Amino acid sequence: MEIKQIFLVLSDKGGTGKSIFSRGLADYIVRNNKQNETLMVDGDGEVGQLLQFYREYGVISAQIIDQEKRDQFINILESEKKFIIVDLPAASISHL
């Protein structure tokens, strides 16, 4: 069984650079042709930076703050991808 690595990009508050850091990771993945082994997840829904700029590379949306949609976030763990990168919205730590 191969070990899966999950990278959560999060902070207690907004404006700390989470999205720009996530975009840097996404850019690295695309430039190095690693998108086939990486699942990129945007936790900000349709307004998220990863979805806006990297949707064509398979970025998906999964929300953790909305209790009714939280299963989307849990379902990413079932991915067969080796790496999972999740850009979470501000103050999402309390929902984990």
N, C-alpha and C. Protein backbone atom coordinates (compact mmCIF):
# COMPACT_ATOMS: atom_id res chain seq x y z
N MET A 1 0.83 -1.18 0.00
CA MET A 1 0.00 0.00 0.00
C MET A 1 0.88 1.25 0.00
N GLU A 2 0.62 2.14 -0.90
CA GLU A 2 1.40 3.37 -1.01
C GLU A 2 0.87 4.42 -0.04
N ILE A 3 1.77 5.15 0.58
CA ILE A 3 1.39 6.19 1.52
C ILE A 3 0.96 7.43 0.74
N LYS A 4 -0.16 7.99 1.15
CA LYS A 4 -0.69 9.21 0.55
C LYS A 4 -0.26 10.40 1.40
N GLN A 5 0.11 11.48 0.74
CA GLN A 5 0.51 12.68 1.47
C GLN A 5 -0.53 13.76 1.23
N ILE A 6 -1.01 14.34 2.33
CA ILE A 6 -2.02 15.39 2.27
C ILE A 6 -1.42 16.66 2.84
N PHE A 7 -1.47 17.72 2.05
CA PHE A 7 -0.95 19.02 2.46
C PHE A 7 -2.13 19.97 2.64
N LEU A 8 -2.36 20.41 3.87
CA LEU A 8 -3.42 21.36 4.16
C LEU A 8 -2.80 22.74 4.32
N VAL A 9 -3.25 23.67 3.51
CA VAL A 9 -2.77 25.04 3.60
C VAL A 9 -3.86 25.82 4.34
N LEU A 10 -3.57 26.20 5.60
CA LEU A 10 -4.60 26.83 6.41
C LEU A 10 -4.03 27.80 7.41
N SER A 11 -4.92 28.64 7.93
CA SER A 11 -4.56 29.61 8.96
C SER A 11 -5.83 30.03 9.68
N ASP A 12 -5.66 30.59 10.87
CA ASP A 12 -6.82 31.06 11.64
C ASP A 12 -7.45 32.33 11.08
N LYS A 13 -6.75 33.04 10.23
CA LYS A 13 -7.29 34.30 9.72
C LYS A 13 -6.97 34.47 8.25
N GLY A 14 -7.69 35.38 7.64
CA GLY A 14 -7.46 35.68 6.23
C GLY A 14 -6.29 36.61 6.03
N GLY A 15 -5.83 36.70 4.79
CA GLY A 15 -4.77 37.63 4.44
C GLY A 15 -3.37 37.18 4.83
N THR A 16 -3.19 35.90 5.13
CA THR A 16 -1.88 35.42 5.55
C THR A 16 -1.06 34.84 4.40
N GLY A 17 -1.65 34.77 3.21
CA GLY A 17 -0.92 34.26 2.05
C GLY A 17 -1.20 32.82 1.70
N LYS A 18 -2.26 32.25 2.26
CA LYS A 18 -2.60 30.85 1.99
C LYS A 18 -2.82 30.60 0.50
N SER A 19 -3.62 31.44 -0.12
CA SER A 19 -3.96 31.21 -1.52
C SER A 19 -2.76 31.40 -2.45
N ILE A 20 -1.93 32.38 -2.17
CA ILE A 20 -0.76 32.59 -3.03
C ILE A 20 0.23 31.44 -2.84
N PHE A 21 0.35 30.92 -1.63
CA PHE A 21 1.20 29.76 -1.39
C PHE A 21 0.65 28.55 -2.15
N SER A 22 -0.67 28.35 -2.08
CA SER A 22 -1.30 27.24 -2.79
C SER A 22 -1.13 27.37 -4.29
N ARG A 23 -1.23 28.59 -4.80
CA ARG A 23 -1.01 28.80 -6.23
C ARG A 23 0.43 28.51 -6.61
N GLY A 24 1.36 28.81 -5.72
CA GLY A 24 2.76 28.47 -5.98
C GLY A 24 2.96 26.96 -6.06
N LEU A 25 2.32 26.23 -5.16
CA LEU A 25 2.38 24.77 -5.20
C LEU A 25 1.75 24.25 -6.49
N ALA A 26 0.60 24.79 -6.85
CA ALA A 26 -0.09 24.36 -8.06
C ALA A 26 0.77 24.64 -9.29
N ASP A 27 1.41 25.79 -9.31
CA ASP A 27 2.28 26.13 -10.44
C ASP A 27 3.45 25.16 -10.54
N TYR A 28 4.02 24.80 -9.41
CA TYR A 28 5.10 23.81 -9.38
C TYR A 28 4.62 22.47 -9.95
N ILE A 29 3.46 22.05 -9.52
CA ILE A 29 2.88 20.78 -9.97
C ILE A 29 2.68 20.78 -11.49
N VAL A 30 2.11 21.85 -12.00
CA VAL A 30 1.86 21.95 -13.45
C VAL A 30 3.17 22.01 -14.23
N ARG A 31 4.09 22.84 -13.78
CA ARG A 31 5.37 22.98 -14.50
C ARG A 31 6.17 21.69 -14.53
N ASN A 32 6.02 20.88 -13.49
CA ASN A 32 6.77 19.63 -13.42
C ASN A 32 5.93 18.42 -13.83
N ASN A 33 4.78 18.72 -14.44
CA ASN A 33 3.93 17.67 -15.00
C ASN A 33 3.54 16.61 -13.97
N LYS A 34 3.18 17.06 -12.77
CA LYS A 34 2.81 16.16 -11.68
C LYS A 34 1.31 16.13 -11.42
N GLN A 35 0.50 16.79 -12.28
CA GLN A 35 -0.93 16.88 -12.02
C GLN A 35 -1.64 15.52 -12.09
N ASN A 36 -1.06 14.53 -12.77
CA ASN A 36 -1.68 13.21 -12.84
C ASN A 36 -1.59 12.44 -11.52
N GLU A 37 -0.64 12.82 -10.68
CA GLU A 37 -0.50 12.14 -9.39
C GLU A 37 -0.90 13.02 -8.21
N THR A 38 -1.44 14.21 -8.51
CA THR A 38 -1.79 15.16 -7.46
C THR A 38 -3.24 15.61 -7.60
N LEU A 39 -3.96 15.59 -6.50
CA LEU A 39 -5.31 16.15 -6.46
C LEU A 39 -5.20 17.51 -5.80
N MET A 40 -5.64 18.54 -6.50
CA MET A 40 -5.65 19.89 -5.95
C MET A 40 -7.09 20.24 -5.58
N VAL A 41 -7.28 20.69 -4.35
CA VAL A 41 -8.62 20.95 -3.82
C VAL A 41 -8.70 22.39 -3.34
N ASP A 42 -9.75 23.07 -3.75
CA ASP A 42 -10.00 24.45 -3.31
C ASP A 42 -11.15 24.44 -2.32
N GLY A 43 -10.89 24.91 -1.12
CA GLY A 43 -11.90 24.94 -0.07
C GLY A 43 -12.74 26.19 -0.05
N ASP A 44 -12.47 27.13 -0.96
CA ASP A 44 -13.23 28.38 -1.01
C ASP A 44 -14.38 28.35 -2.01
N GLY A 45 -14.72 27.20 -2.51
CA GLY A 45 -15.81 27.12 -3.47
C GLY A 45 -15.44 27.74 -4.80
N GLU A 46 -16.42 28.22 -5.51
CA GLU A 46 -16.21 28.73 -6.86
C GLU A 46 -15.39 30.02 -6.91
N VAL A 47 -15.20 30.69 -5.79
CA VAL A 47 -14.42 31.93 -5.79
C VAL A 47 -12.95 31.69 -5.44
N GLY A 48 -12.59 30.45 -5.22
CA GLY A 48 -11.23 30.13 -4.80
C GLY A 48 -10.19 30.34 -5.89
N GLN A 49 -9.00 30.69 -5.46
CA GLN A 49 -7.89 30.98 -6.38
C GLN A 49 -7.48 29.76 -7.21
N LEU A 50 -7.42 28.59 -6.58
CA LEU A 50 -7.02 27.40 -7.34
C LEU A 50 -8.03 27.10 -8.44
N LEU A 51 -9.31 27.20 -8.12
CA LEU A 51 -10.33 26.95 -9.14
C LEU A 51 -10.26 27.98 -10.26
N GLN A 52 -10.05 29.23 -9.90
CA GLN A 52 -10.00 30.29 -10.90
C GLN A 52 -8.84 30.12 -11.87
N PHE A 53 -7.68 29.70 -11.38
CA PHE A 53 -6.49 29.70 -12.20
C PHE A 53 -6.03 28.32 -12.67
N TYR A 54 -6.48 27.25 -12.02
CA TYR A 54 -5.96 25.91 -12.35
C TYR A 54 -7.05 24.88 -12.60
N ARG A 55 -8.27 25.32 -12.83
CA ARG A 55 -9.40 24.40 -13.05
C ARG A 55 -9.10 23.39 -14.14
N GLU A 56 -8.46 23.83 -15.22
CA GLU A 56 -8.18 22.94 -16.35
C GLU A 56 -7.22 21.81 -15.99
N TYR A 57 -6.58 21.91 -14.83
CA TYR A 57 -5.65 20.86 -14.38
C TYR A 57 -6.29 19.93 -13.35
N GLY A 58 -7.60 19.97 -13.26
CA GLY A 58 -8.31 19.03 -12.41
C GLY A 58 -8.59 19.47 -10.99
N VAL A 59 -8.48 20.76 -10.71
CA VAL A 59 -8.78 21.25 -9.36
C VAL A 59 -10.27 21.01 -9.08
N ILE A 60 -10.55 20.53 -7.88
CA ILE A 60 -11.94 20.34 -7.48
C ILE A 60 -12.26 21.23 -6.28
N SER A 61 -13.54 21.41 -6.02
CA SER A 61 -13.99 22.17 -4.86
C SER A 61 -14.48 21.22 -3.79
N ALA A 62 -14.11 21.46 -2.56
CA ALA A 62 -14.62 20.70 -1.42
C ALA A 62 -14.71 21.66 -0.25
N GLN A 63 -15.89 21.78 0.30
CA GLN A 63 -16.09 22.76 1.36
C GLN A 63 -16.16 22.09 2.72
N ILE A 64 -15.49 22.70 3.67
CA ILE A 64 -15.46 22.16 5.03
C ILE A 64 -16.28 23.00 5.99
N ILE A 65 -16.45 24.27 5.70
CA ILE A 65 -17.15 25.17 6.62
C ILE A 65 -18.66 24.90 6.62
N ASP A 66 -19.23 24.64 5.45
CA ASP A 66 -20.66 24.35 5.33
C ASP A 66 -20.90 22.90 5.77
N GLN A 67 -21.58 22.73 6.90
CA GLN A 67 -21.76 21.40 7.48
C GLN A 67 -22.46 20.44 6.51
N GLU A 68 -23.37 20.95 5.70
CA GLU A 68 -24.10 20.10 4.75
C GLU A 68 -23.21 19.63 3.61
N LYS A 69 -22.12 20.34 3.34
CA LYS A 69 -21.22 19.99 2.24
C LYS A 69 -19.90 19.38 2.73
N ARG A 70 -19.78 19.16 4.03
CA ARG A 70 -18.53 18.69 4.62
C ARG A 70 -18.10 17.33 4.08
N ASP A 71 -19.05 16.51 3.65
CA ASP A 71 -18.70 15.20 3.09
C ASP A 71 -17.82 15.34 1.85
N GLN A 72 -17.96 16.45 1.11
CA GLN A 72 -17.09 16.68 -0.05
C GLN A 72 -15.63 16.64 0.38
N PHE A 73 -15.36 17.24 1.52
CA PHE A 73 -14.00 17.29 2.03
C PHE A 73 -13.52 15.91 2.44
N ILE A 74 -14.37 15.16 3.12
CA ILE A 74 -14.01 13.82 3.56
C ILE A 74 -13.78 12.91 2.35
N ASN A 75 -14.56 13.09 1.29
CA ASN A 75 -14.45 12.23 0.12
C ASN A 75 -13.12 12.37 -0.62
N ILE A 76 -12.41 13.46 -0.43
CA ILE A 76 -11.13 13.60 -1.13
C ILE A 76 -10.12 12.58 -0.63
N LEU A 77 -10.32 12.08 0.57
CA LEU A 77 -9.40 11.08 1.12
C LEU A 77 -9.47 9.77 0.34
N GLU A 78 -10.55 9.56 -0.40
CA GLU A 78 -10.70 8.34 -1.19
C GLU A 78 -9.97 8.43 -2.53
N SER A 79 -9.42 9.57 -2.84
CA SER A 79 -8.71 9.74 -4.10
C SER A 79 -7.55 8.76 -4.22
N GLU A 80 -7.31 8.30 -5.41
CA GLU A 80 -6.18 7.39 -5.66
C GLU A 80 -4.88 8.15 -5.94
N LYS A 81 -4.95 9.48 -5.92
CA LYS A 81 -3.76 10.29 -6.17
C LYS A 81 -2.78 10.17 -5.02
N LYS A 82 -1.51 10.27 -5.35
CA LYS A 82 -0.44 10.13 -4.36
C LYS A 82 -0.35 11.35 -3.43
N PHE A 83 -0.61 12.53 -3.99
CA PHE A 83 -0.54 13.78 -3.24
C PHE A 83 -1.88 14.49 -3.30
N ILE A 84 -2.26 15.09 -2.18
CA ILE A 84 -3.47 15.90 -2.13
C ILE A 84 -3.09 17.24 -1.51
N ILE A 85 -3.38 18.31 -2.23
CA ILE A 85 -3.11 19.66 -1.73
C ILE A 85 -4.45 20.35 -1.56
N VAL A 86 -4.70 20.87 -0.35
CA VAL A 86 -5.98 21.50 -0.05
C VAL A 86 -5.74 22.93 0.42
N ASP A 87 -6.30 23.89 -0.32
CA ASP A 87 -6.27 25.29 0.09
C ASP A 87 -7.56 25.56 0.85
N LEU A 88 -7.45 25.69 2.17
CA LEU A 88 -8.63 25.88 3.02
C LEU A 88 -8.90 27.36 3.28
N PRO A 89 -10.17 27.71 3.48
CA PRO A 89 -10.51 29.10 3.76
C PRO A 89 -10.06 29.51 5.16
N ALA A 90 -10.06 30.81 5.39
CA ALA A 90 -9.68 31.34 6.70
C ALA A 90 -10.58 30.77 7.78
N ALA A 91 -10.02 30.56 8.94
CA ALA A 91 -10.74 30.10 10.14
C ALA A 91 -11.34 28.71 9.98
N SER A 92 -10.80 27.91 9.09
CA SER A 92 -11.35 26.56 8.91
C SER A 92 -10.76 25.55 9.89
N ILE A 93 -9.76 25.94 10.65
CA ILE A 93 -9.14 25.04 11.61
C ILE A 93 -10.18 24.50 12.59
N SER A 94 -11.09 25.35 13.04
CA SER A 94 -12.08 24.92 14.03
C SER A 94 -13.03 23.86 13.45
N HIS A 95 -13.15 23.77 12.13
CA HIS A 95 -14.03 22.79 11.51
C HIS A 95 -13.34 21.45 11.30
N LEU A 96 -12.02 21.42 11.43
CA LEU A 96 -11.30 20.16 11.29
C LEU A 96 -11.41 19.34 12.55
